[in-house]
């Protein structure tokens, strides 16, 4: 069987531009490269934006970084919920 060295992209986080940039910085501080998807659409600040809907940015990473990135994202989301309470 032939083994593939192809890297796949994985969507790891979806949120506002501000949140996505924050998580992107957290990942990059740990040596995980990432990029933002839908960045331009989100900056339009459309009047019908809603949580989970239009205007959100998706953060994408390489599949080989998934486990470490998932841990960082989970920590971020846990801390965000604690600070909102």
Protein backbone atom coordinates (compact mmCIF):
# COMPACT_ATOMS: atom_id res chain seq x y z
CA UNK A 1 0.00 0.00 0.00
CA UNK A 2 1.32 3.42 -0.94
CA UNK A 3 1.66 5.88 1.93
CA UNK A 4 0.61 9.50 1.38
CA UNK A 5 2.59 12.44 2.74
CA UNK A 6 -0.20 14.82 1.81
CA UNK A 7 -1.24 17.27 4.53
CA UNK A 8 -4.94 17.90 4.89
CA UNK A 9 -6.54 21.03 6.33
CA UNK A 10 -8.84 20.83 9.34
CA UNK A 11 -11.29 23.46 10.56
CA UNK A 12 -10.56 23.91 14.27
CA UNK A 13 -12.49 27.02 15.33
CA UNK A 14 -15.32 29.27 14.14
CA UNK A 15 -16.13 32.62 15.67
CA UNK A 16 -15.95 36.37 15.29
CA UNK A 17 -12.92 37.96 13.66
CA UNK A 18 -11.66 39.08 17.08
CA UNK A 19 -11.98 35.60 18.60
CA UNK A 20 -10.44 33.87 15.60
CA UNK A 21 -7.43 36.21 15.71
CA UNK A 22 -7.05 35.53 19.44
CA UNK A 23 -7.10 31.75 18.93
CA UNK A 24 -4.77 32.07 15.91
CA UNK A 25 -2.26 33.90 18.12
CA UNK A 26 -2.54 31.23 20.83
CA UNK A 27 -1.86 28.51 18.27
CA UNK A 28 1.05 30.36 16.69
CA UNK A 29 2.61 30.90 20.13
CA UNK A 30 2.76 27.08 20.36
CA UNK A 31 4.28 26.73 16.89
CA UNK A 32 1.06 25.75 15.09
CA UNK A 33 0.55 27.43 11.73
CA UNK A 34 -3.00 28.39 10.85
CA UNK A 35 -4.96 30.59 8.48
CA UNK A 36 -8.31 32.32 8.49
CA UNK A 37 -11.09 31.40 6.09
CA UNK A 38 -13.95 33.81 5.25
CA UNK A 39 -11.87 36.68 6.62
CA UNK A 40 -13.01 39.24 4.05
CA UNK A 41 -16.70 38.37 4.35
CA UNK A 42 -16.53 38.75 8.12
CA UNK A 43 -15.08 42.24 7.89
CA UNK A 44 -18.09 43.55 6.00
CA UNK A 45 -19.99 43.82 9.32
CA UNK A 46 -23.28 42.86 7.74
CA UNK A 47 -26.42 43.95 9.61
CA UNK A 48 -27.89 40.43 9.60
CA UNK A 49 -24.93 38.79 11.31
CA UNK A 50 -25.94 36.32 13.95
CA UNK A 51 -24.12 33.93 16.29
CA UNK A 52 -23.21 30.82 14.32
CA UNK A 53 -24.22 32.44 11.04
CA UNK A 54 -22.97 34.87 8.45
CA UNK A 55 -19.93 36.96 9.33
CA UNK A 56 -17.99 34.33 11.24
CA UNK A 57 -14.41 33.39 10.52
CA UNK A 58 -13.10 29.83 10.39
CA UNK A 59 -9.61 28.98 11.63
CA UNK A 60 -7.89 26.21 9.69
CA UNK A 61 -4.83 24.13 10.63
CA UNK A 62 -2.90 21.17 9.23
CA UNK A 63 -4.27 17.79 10.26
CA UNK A 64 -1.02 16.74 11.94
CA UNK A 65 -1.44 19.59 14.48
CA UNK A 66 -5.03 18.68 15.35
CA UNK A 67 -4.56 17.11 18.80
CA UNK A 68 -2.40 19.92 20.16
CA UNK A 69 -4.58 22.61 18.55
CA UNK A 70 -7.79 21.06 19.87
CA UNK A 71 -6.41 21.23 23.40
CA UNK A 72 -5.53 24.92 23.00
CA UNK A 73 -8.97 25.75 21.53
CA UNK A 74 -10.74 23.85 24.32
CA UNK A 75 -8.74 25.77 26.95
CA UNK A 76 -9.64 29.06 25.25
CA UNK A 77 -13.35 28.20 25.12
CA UNK A 78 -13.36 27.01 28.74
CA UNK A 79 -11.69 30.23 29.93
CA UNK A 80 -14.08 32.35 27.86
CA UNK A 81 -17.10 30.66 29.45
CA UNK A 82 -15.67 31.08 32.96
CA UNK A 83 -15.08 34.80 32.37
CA UNK A 84 -18.63 35.30 31.11
CA UNK A 85 -20.15 33.85 34.28
